[in-house]
């Protein structure tokens, strides 16, 4: 185990640390494998960085997704609380609007979404609850 990342070992996978949700890609008709790889890579990176970063740590960015004939632009926003990847977005798509869209899709209690910043697909990773300490 790395001293800087309590609870995370090199043989752990993203599924050991996060739960994942992926929407259908409007182009492929199934979850985008490139977005899935990006989401899982970000989850592993955030889990590895947990001991070396503060709780409020966040990274955002964009990448061209390879893996299908569209090579969509994907924007991501990753923190220790939540990671989201939005595929097929415009260069200037606002994270607030994209997150409102995702919230409306994922939570029945979220406010309805009436905006125009709808990605072609998106994915979310949330950390799994830490196991309760054995007494």
C-alpha atoms as a PDB file:
ATOM      1  CA  UNK A   1       0.000   0.000   0.000  1.00  0.00           C
ATOM      2  CA  UNK A   2       1.243   3.494  -0.845  1.00  0.00           C
ATOM      3  CA  UNK A   3       1.670   5.666   2.256  1.00  0.00           C
ATOM      4  CA  UNK A   4       0.170   8.648   0.411  1.00  0.00           C
ATOM      5  CA  UNK A   5      -3.008   6.841  -0.603  1.00  0.00           C
ATOM      6  CA  UNK A   6      -4.519   5.025   2.365  1.00  0.00           C
ATOM      7  CA  UNK A   7      -6.704   2.115   1.317  1.00  0.00           C
ATOM      8  CA  UNK A   8      -5.653   2.099  -2.344  1.00  0.00           C
ATOM      9  CA  UNK A   9      -3.307  -0.534  -3.710  1.00  0.00           C
ATOM     10  CA  UNK A  10      -1.806  -1.023  -7.154  1.00  0.00           C
ATOM     11  CA  UNK A  11      -3.899  -4.140  -7.828  1.00  0.00           C
ATOM     12  CA  UNK A  12      -7.206  -2.368  -7.158  1.00  0.00           C
ATOM     13  CA  UNK A  13      -9.455  -1.485 -10.070  1.00  0.00           C
ATOM     14  CA  UNK A  14     -11.754   1.489 -10.507  1.00  0.00           C
ATOM     15  CA  UNK A  15     -14.677  -0.779  -9.573  1.00  0.00           C
ATOM     16  CA  UNK A  16     -13.068  -1.282  -6.156  1.00  0.00           C
ATOM     17  CA  UNK A  17     -13.298   2.431  -5.398  1.00  0.00           C
ATOM     18  CA  UNK A  18     -16.214   3.843  -7.446  1.00  0.00           C
ATOM     19  CA  UNK A  19     -19.683   3.053  -8.769  1.00  0.00           C
ATOM     20  CA  UNK A  20     -20.377   3.971 -12.395  1.00  0.00           C
ATOM     21  CA  UNK A  21     -23.337   5.171 -14.432  1.00  0.00           C
ATOM     22  CA  UNK A  22     -23.170   5.619 -18.219  1.00  0.00           C
ATOM     23  CA  UNK A  23     -25.879   6.907 -20.537  1.00  0.00           C
ATOM     24  CA  UNK A  24     -26.514   5.645 -24.038  1.00  0.00           C
ATOM     25  CA  UNK A  25     -24.518   7.408 -26.731  1.00  0.00           C
ATOM     26  CA  UNK A  26     -26.818   9.076 -29.261  1.00  0.00           C
ATOM     27  CA  UNK A  27     -24.426   7.993 -32.054  1.00  0.00           C
ATOM     28  CA  UNK A  28     -23.666   4.419 -31.019  1.00  0.00           C
ATOM     29  CA  UNK A  29     -26.949   3.431 -29.382  1.00  0.00           C
ATOM     30  CA  UNK A  30     -25.005   1.989 -26.440  1.00  0.00           C
ATOM     31  CA  UNK A  31     -22.675   3.376 -23.763  1.00  0.00           C
ATOM     32  CA  UNK A  32     -19.556   4.872 -25.319  1.00  0.00           C
ATOM     33  CA  UNK A  33     -16.528   2.633 -24.663  1.00  0.00           C
ATOM     34  CA  UNK A  34     -14.125   5.598 -24.950  1.00  0.00           C
ATOM     35  CA  UNK A  35     -16.101   7.580 -22.352  1.00  0.00           C
ATOM     36  CA  UNK A  36     -16.178   4.492 -20.137  1.00  0.00           C
ATOM     37  CA  UNK A  37     -12.366   4.173 -20.341  1.00  0.00           C
ATOM     38  CA  UNK A  38     -11.906   7.872 -19.590  1.00  0.00           C
ATOM     39  CA  UNK A  39     -14.278   7.749 -16.614  1.00  0.00           C
ATOM     40  CA  UNK A  40     -12.527   4.697 -15.143  1.00  0.00           C
ATOM     41  CA  UNK A  41      -9.077   6.213 -15.714  1.00  0.00           C
ATOM     42  CA  UNK A  42     -10.140   9.403 -13.935  1.00  0.00           C
ATOM     43  CA  UNK A  43     -11.604   7.329 -11.076  1.00  0.00           C
ATOM     44  CA  UNK A  44      -8.309   5.456 -10.626  1.00  0.00           C
ATOM     45  CA  UNK A  45      -6.376   8.741 -10.758  1.00  0.00           C
ATOM     46  CA  UNK A  46      -8.605  10.405  -8.146  1.00  0.00           C
ATOM     47  CA  UNK A  47      -8.462   7.355  -5.877  1.00  0.00           C
ATOM     48  CA  UNK A  48      -4.659   7.359  -6.163  1.00  0.00           C
ATOM     49  CA  UNK A  49      -4.470  11.087  -5.431  1.00  0.00           C
ATOM     50  CA  UNK A  50      -6.819  10.985  -2.433  1.00  0.00           C
ATOM     51  CA  UNK A  51      -4.073  10.965   0.202  1.00  0.00           C
ATOM     52  CA  UNK A  52      -2.025  13.660  -1.537  1.00  0.00           C
ATOM     53  CA  UNK A  53      -4.842  16.137  -2.216  1.00  0.00           C
ATOM     54  CA  UNK A  54      -7.361  18.034  -0.132  1.00  0.00           C
ATOM     55  CA  UNK A  55     -11.058  17.176  -0.010  1.00  0.00           C
ATOM     56  CA  UNK A  56     -11.905  20.156  -2.250  1.00  0.00           C
ATOM     57  CA  UNK A  57      -9.497  19.086  -5.016  1.00  0.00           C
ATOM     58  CA  UNK A  58     -11.022  19.317  -8.513  1.00  0.00           C
ATOM     59  CA  UNK A  59      -9.696  18.993 -12.017  1.00  0.00           C
ATOM     60  CA  UNK A  60     -11.520  19.889 -15.231  1.00  0.00           C
ATOM     61  CA  UNK A  61     -10.542  19.521 -18.841  1.00  0.00           C
ATOM     62  CA  UNK A  62     -11.394  18.215 -22.251  1.00  0.00           C
ATOM     63  CA  UNK A  63     -10.173  15.536 -24.574  1.00  0.00           C
ATOM     64  CA  UNK A  64     -10.882  14.139 -28.024  1.00  0.00           C
ATOM     65  CA  UNK A  65     -12.271  10.639 -27.462  1.00  0.00           C
ATOM     66  CA  UNK A  66     -10.850   8.014 -29.765  1.00  0.00           C
ATOM     67  CA  UNK A  67     -12.617   4.714 -30.118  1.00  0.00           C
ATOM     68  CA  UNK A  68     -15.476   5.382 -32.494  1.00  0.00           C
ATOM     69  CA  UNK A  69     -15.735   7.103 -35.867  1.00  0.00           C
ATOM     70  CA  UNK A  70     -17.029  10.335 -34.284  1.00  0.00           C
ATOM     71  CA  UNK A  71     -14.012  11.101 -32.029  1.00  0.00           C
ATOM     72  CA  UNK A  72     -16.243  13.350 -29.911  1.00  0.00           C
ATOM     73  CA  UNK A  73     -14.976  16.150 -27.735  1.00  0.00           C
ATOM     74  CA  UNK A  74     -15.429  15.152 -24.112  1.00  0.00           C
ATOM     75  CA  UNK A  75     -15.363  17.549 -21.186  1.00  0.00           C
ATOM     76  CA  UNK A  76     -14.743  16.258 -17.689  1.00  0.00           C
ATOM     77  CA  UNK A  77     -15.060  17.539 -14.150  1.00  0.00           C
ATOM     78  CA  UNK A  78     -13.507  15.350 -11.469  1.00  0.00           C
ATOM     79  CA  UNK A  79     -13.386  15.694  -7.705  1.00  0.00           C
ATOM     80  CA  UNK A  80     -13.216  13.269  -4.804  1.00  0.00           C
ATOM     81  CA  UNK A  81     -17.019  13.438  -4.515  1.00  0.00           C
ATOM     82  CA  UNK A  82     -18.003  12.951  -8.150  1.00  0.00           C
ATOM     83  CA  UNK A  83     -16.520  12.508 -11.608  1.00  0.00           C
ATOM     84  CA  UNK A  84     -18.485  13.337 -14.738  1.00  0.00           C
ATOM     85  CA  UNK A  85     -17.551  12.981 -18.400  1.00  0.00           C
ATOM     86  CA  UNK A  86     -19.751  14.725 -20.985  1.00  0.00           C
ATOM     87  CA  UNK A  87     -19.341  13.568 -24.604  1.00  0.00           C
ATOM     88  CA  UNK A  88     -20.201  15.374 -27.797  1.00  0.00           C
ATOM     89  CA  UNK A  89     -20.326  18.810 -26.195  1.00  0.00           C
ATOM     90  CA  UNK A  90     -19.507  22.195 -27.628  1.00  0.00           C
ATOM     91  CA  UNK A  91     -16.122  23.746 -26.798  1.00  0.00           C
ATOM     92  CA  UNK A  92     -17.799  26.374 -24.646  1.00  0.00           C
ATOM     93  CA  UNK A  93     -20.378  24.144 -22.951  1.00  0.00           C
ATOM     94  CA  UNK A  94     -20.933  25.357 -19.390  1.00  0.00           C
ATOM     95  CA  UNK A  95     -20.318  22.808 -16.618  1.00  0.00           C
ATOM     96  CA  UNK A  96     -23.191  24.263 -14.579  1.00  0.00           C
ATOM     97  CA  UNK A  97     -25.640  23.539 -17.404  1.00  0.00           C
ATOM     98  CA  UNK A  98     -24.107  20.126 -18.152  1.00  0.00           C
ATOM     99  CA  UNK A  99     -24.326  19.161 -14.475  1.00  0.00           C
ATOM    100  CA  UNK A 100     -27.937  20.366 -14.291  1.00  0.00           C
ATOM    101  CA  UNK A 101     -28.687  18.115 -17.297  1.00  0.00           C
ATOM    102  CA  UNK A 102     -26.970  15.126 -15.633  1.00  0.00           C
ATOM    103  CA  UNK A 103     -28.727  15.784 -12.316  1.00  0.00           C
ATOM    104  CA  UNK A 104     -32.097  15.845 -14.087  1.00  0.00           C
ATOM    105  CA  UNK A 105     -31.300  12.539 -15.822  1.00  0.00           C
ATOM    106  CA  UNK A 106     -29.966  10.745 -12.744  1.00  0.00           C
ATOM    107  CA  UNK A 107     -32.178  11.975  -9.922  1.00  0.00           C
ATOM    108  CA  UNK A 108     -35.963  11.851  -9.893  1.00  0.00           C
ATOM    109  CA  UNK A 109     -35.974  14.628  -7.297  1.00  0.00           C
ATOM    110  CA  UNK A 110     -33.845  17.017  -9.387  1.00  0.00           C
ATOM    111  CA  UNK A 111     -35.390  20.050 -11.034  1.00  0.00           C
ATOM    112  CA  UNK A 112     -36.423  19.506 -14.668  1.00  0.00           C
ATOM    113  CA  UNK A 113     -33.861  20.524 -17.270  1.00  0.00           C
ATOM    114  CA  UNK A 114     -34.934  23.071 -19.886  1.00  0.00           C
ATOM    115  CA  UNK A 115     -31.523  24.110 -21.198  1.00  0.00           C
ATOM    116  CA  UNK A 116     -29.845  23.470 -24.516  1.00  0.00           C
ATOM    117  CA  UNK A 117     -26.468  22.103 -23.333  1.00  0.00           C
ATOM    118  CA  UNK A 118     -27.314  18.429 -23.761  1.00  0.00           C
ATOM    119  CA  UNK A 119     -24.334  16.140 -24.348  1.00  0.00           C
ATOM    120  CA  UNK A 120     -24.521  13.218 -26.767  1.00  0.00           C
ATOM    121  CA  UNK A 121     -23.748  10.976 -23.790  1.00  0.00           C
ATOM    122  CA  UNK A 122     -22.344  11.237 -20.296  1.00  0.00           C
ATOM    123  CA  UNK A 123     -21.001   9.151 -17.481  1.00  0.00           C
ATOM    124  CA  UNK A 124     -20.647   9.553 -13.757  1.00  0.00           C
ATOM    125  CA  UNK A 125     -18.490   7.882 -11.117  1.00  0.00           C
ATOM    126  CA  UNK A 126     -19.095   8.226  -7.397  1.00  0.00           C
ATOM    127  CA  UNK A 127     -16.841   6.875  -4.676  1.00  0.00           C
ATOM    128  CA  UNK A 128     -18.031   3.785  -2.884  1.00  0.00           C
ATOM    129  CA  UNK A 129     -18.690   4.186   0.811  1.00  0.00           C
ATOM    130  CA  UNK A 130     -15.670   3.296   2.885  1.00  0.00           C
ATOM    131  CA  UNK A 131     -16.108  -0.027   4.657  1.00  0.00           C
ATOM    132  CA  UNK A 132     -17.128   0.356   8.284  1.00  0.00           C
ATOM    133  CA  UNK A 133     -14.294  -0.206  10.727  1.00  0.00           C
ATOM    134  CA  UNK A 134     -14.357  -3.592  12.343  1.00  0.00           C
ATOM    135  CA  UNK A 135     -14.749  -3.377  16.087  1.00  0.00           C
END
